[in-house]
Amino acid sequence: MPLWSYYLIAAIICIIVLYFIATFHQTAYENYVTGNWIADDDKFCEDSGIDFMTFYVAPHEGSYTKTRECFLIIGDDICSQPVTMTYVSGWSPVLLGEYKFTASLDMPTQVMEDEVTVTVNMLTGKMSIFGSDDTCYAQLYKNHEITELTQIKK
């Protein structure tokens, strides 16, 4: 067998391995997005003039285009409503980094833009939601205790 064929086989194997690593990493971030996210007693709430914000994100449906049923509560009786979030999976550096995607939001009372950029950092447990003009709509932190209580155990 010619030498170039060994290089070709090695290159194909490397591409397959990298694909599986990237897919595994993306799946880990997709699973991490599910749960309860909160903002309370922090600079974001103070600057926004609210007492707290909580955003529940349900598991996604779909493989390429993902749909998540969510629920948003903003303190001081500003908002308490369901939200449907639709997006195409984002991309992030393997192992570390932020998971970023652009999502369309459908909600009865529009308290955010229809299209927002969501950034999730698994290392800090932080989710940020920004509008098209870099308006910060949310700085949330994952509440693992409440998230655990909402999971259905099999």
Protein backbone atom coordinates (compact mmCIF):
# COMPACT_ATOMS: atom_id res chain seq x y z
CA MET A 1 0.00 0.00 0.00
CA PRO A 2 1.41 3.44 -0.92
CA LEU A 3 2.56 5.76 1.88
CA TRP A 4 -0.02 8.46 1.04
CA SER A 5 -2.87 6.03 1.79
CA TYR A 6 -1.67 5.73 5.42
CA TYR A 7 -1.76 9.53 5.72
CA LEU A 8 -5.26 9.58 4.25
CA ILE A 9 -6.49 6.93 6.70
CA ALA A 10 -4.89 8.81 9.63
CA ALA A 11 -6.50 12.08 8.51
CA ILE A 12 -9.94 10.45 8.22
CA ILE A 13 -9.61 8.91 11.69
CA CYS A 14 -8.58 12.31 13.15
CA ILE A 15 -11.59 14.02 11.55
CA ILE A 16 -13.97 11.38 12.93
CA VAL A 17 -12.48 11.65 16.44
CA LEU A 18 -12.68 15.47 16.39
CA TYR A 19 -16.30 15.29 15.20
CA PHE A 20 -17.27 13.02 18.11
CA ILE A 21 -15.46 15.20 20.65
CA ALA A 22 -17.20 18.35 19.35
CA THR A 23 -20.60 16.60 19.31
CA PHE A 24 -20.12 15.35 22.86
CA HIS A 25 -19.14 18.85 24.02
CA GLN A 26 -22.14 20.46 22.34
CA THR A 27 -24.48 17.87 23.89
CA ALA A 28 -23.01 18.60 27.33
CA TYR A 29 -23.73 22.32 26.91
CA GLU A 30 -27.24 21.66 25.57
CA ASN A 31 -27.98 19.56 28.66
CA TYR A 32 -26.49 22.23 30.93
CA VAL A 33 -28.81 24.94 29.55
CA THR A 34 -31.78 22.98 30.91
CA GLY A 35 -32.79 24.06 34.40
CA ASN A 36 -33.52 27.03 36.60
CA TRP A 37 -31.54 30.25 36.18
CA ILE A 38 -31.81 33.12 38.67
CA ALA A 39 -30.67 36.68 39.29
CA ASP A 40 -31.15 38.03 42.77
CA ASP A 41 -29.31 40.49 44.98
CA ASP A 42 -26.69 41.32 42.40
CA LYS A 43 -25.58 44.29 40.31
CA PHE A 44 -27.78 43.30 37.36
CA CYS A 45 -30.96 43.42 39.46
CA GLU A 46 -29.90 46.70 41.06
CA ASP A 47 -29.12 48.33 37.70
CA SER A 48 -32.38 46.99 36.23
CA GLY A 49 -34.52 48.13 39.15
CA ILE A 50 -35.93 44.67 39.86
CA ASP A 51 -35.90 42.46 42.95
CA PHE A 52 -35.16 39.22 41.11
CA MET A 53 -35.49 37.32 37.84
CA THR A 54 -35.90 33.59 37.32
CA PHE A 55 -35.88 31.80 33.98
CA TYR A 56 -36.77 28.11 33.79
CA VAL A 57 -35.53 26.37 30.63
CA ALA A 58 -37.05 22.99 29.77
CA PRO A 59 -35.21 20.26 27.84
CA HIS A 60 -35.06 20.88 24.10
CA GLU A 61 -37.04 19.24 21.35
CA GLY A 62 -35.56 18.76 17.90
CA SER A 63 -32.08 17.91 16.72
CA TYR A 64 -30.92 20.72 14.40
CA THR A 65 -33.43 23.46 15.18
CA LYS A 66 -34.12 23.28 18.89
CA THR A 67 -37.27 24.45 20.67
CA ARG A 68 -37.42 24.92 24.43
CA GLU A 69 -40.46 25.77 26.50
CA CYS A 70 -39.40 28.22 29.19
CA PHE A 71 -40.98 30.31 31.91
CA LEU A 72 -39.84 33.83 32.85
CA ILE A 73 -40.60 35.58 36.13
CA ILE A 74 -39.37 39.11 36.78
CA GLY A 75 -39.95 40.42 40.31
CA ASP A 76 -42.02 43.47 41.23
CA ASP A 77 -44.92 41.99 39.18
CA ILE A 78 -43.23 43.01 35.93
CA CYS A 79 -43.59 39.65 34.20
CA SER A 80 -44.72 36.08 34.77
CA GLN A 81 -45.19 34.27 31.49
CA PRO A 82 -44.30 31.31 29.29
CA VAL A 83 -41.61 31.78 26.66
CA THR A 84 -40.84 29.61 23.64
CA MET A 85 -37.18 29.73 22.65
CA THR A 86 -36.18 28.47 19.20
CA TYR A 87 -32.60 28.32 17.92
CA VAL A 88 -30.00 26.41 15.96
CA SER A 89 -27.29 24.87 18.13
CA GLY A 90 -24.33 27.09 18.79
CA TRP A 91 -20.63 26.40 18.83
CA SER A 92 -18.02 26.71 21.52
CA PRO A 93 -14.38 25.78 22.01
CA VAL A 94 -13.91 22.18 23.07
CA LEU A 95 -13.59 21.63 26.84
CA LEU A 96 -13.62 25.29 27.93
CA GLY A 97 -15.34 28.43 26.81
CA GLU A 98 -18.75 29.85 26.32
CA TYR A 99 -21.64 28.28 24.44
CA LYS A 100 -23.29 30.95 22.31
CA PHE A 101 -26.39 30.90 20.13
CA THR A 102 -28.96 33.28 18.66
CA ALA A 103 -32.51 32.50 19.73
CA SER A 104 -35.98 33.65 18.71
CA LEU A 105 -38.25 34.30 21.67
CA ASP A 106 -42.02 34.03 21.51
CA MET A 107 -43.78 35.43 24.56
CA PRO A 108 -47.23 36.94 25.24
CA THR A 109 -45.83 40.25 26.55
CA GLN A 110 -42.61 41.25 24.85
CA VAL A 111 -40.12 42.20 27.62
CA MET A 112 -37.11 41.34 25.46
CA GLU A 113 -36.40 41.59 21.74
CA ASP A 114 -37.76 38.87 19.45
CA GLU A 115 -34.21 37.76 18.67
CA VAL A 116 -31.51 37.61 21.34
CA THR A 117 -28.00 36.22 21.79
CA VAL A 118 -27.65 33.74 24.63
CA THR A 119 -24.25 32.96 26.11
CA VAL A 120 -23.78 30.15 28.64
CA ASN A 121 -20.57 29.51 30.56
CA MET A 122 -20.50 26.15 32.29
CA LEU A 123 -17.41 27.01 34.35
CA THR A 124 -18.97 30.09 35.98
CA GLY A 125 -22.58 28.86 35.84
CA LYS A 126 -23.64 32.07 34.11
CA MET A 127 -26.19 32.74 31.36
CA SER A 128 -26.28 36.14 29.64
CA ILE A 129 -29.03 37.30 27.29
CA PHE A 130 -28.29 40.27 25.01
CA GLY A 131 -30.32 42.12 22.39
CA SER A 132 -29.13 43.21 18.96
CA ASP A 133 -27.86 46.55 20.27
CA ASP A 134 -25.96 44.84 23.14
CA THR A 135 -28.73 45.63 25.61
CA CYS A 136 -28.33 43.21 28.53
CA TYR A 137 -31.71 41.62 29.23
CA ALA A 138 -30.46 39.09 31.77
CA GLN A 139 -27.41 38.05 33.79
CA LEU A 140 -28.47 34.78 35.38
CA TYR A 141 -26.76 32.08 37.40
CA LYS A 142 -27.74 28.42 37.40
CA ASN A 143 -29.58 27.33 40.52
CA HIS A 144 -28.53 23.71 40.78
CA GLU A 145 -30.69 22.92 43.80
CA ILE A 146 -33.96 23.95 42.15
CA THR A 147 -32.85 22.42 38.85
CA GLU A 148 -32.29 19.10 40.61
CA LEU A 149 -35.75 19.26 42.19
CA THR A 150 -37.39 19.82 38.79
CA GLN A 151 -35.73 16.82 37.14
CA ILE A 152 -37.81 13.67 36.81
CA LYS A 153 -35.92 10.71 38.19
CA LYS A 154 -36.19 7.40 36.35
